[in-house]
Amino acid sequence: MRRGSYLTVAAELLFGTMAVPAQAETIQITMTNLVVAPSEVSARVGDTIEWINNDVLAHTATARNGDFDVMMPPRKTVTSVLKKAGTVEYYCRFHPNMKAVLTIAP
């Protein structure tokens, strides 16, 4: 084999075995008419949640386990990045009937 061929084979072995990291996603969760939609969401650590409040009232996304507490002013959108894996039940502190579940994979 020629020298250039060895380099090509070495490069293919090196780059062919490297894992390609998954692309982080942006997931939208909407509060409209005092309802969280979707009420069940699957995501991954590193994903961004775009919390969209379409109501004229303020809302929160408050994790029951204390992992997060996101404040959403009326008719505003806020974002947060998921940092911890697990299944998190959350609700609105102002409107406790608004509840949902976020399942976060590593």
Foldseek 3Di string as FASTA:
>chain_A
DDPVVVVVVVVCVVVVPDDDDDDAEEAEWEQDPNEIPPQEEEHEQFHKYKYAYAAQQKWWWAWPVRPDIGTGHHRDIDMDGHHDADKTKTATPVRRVHIGIYGYHD
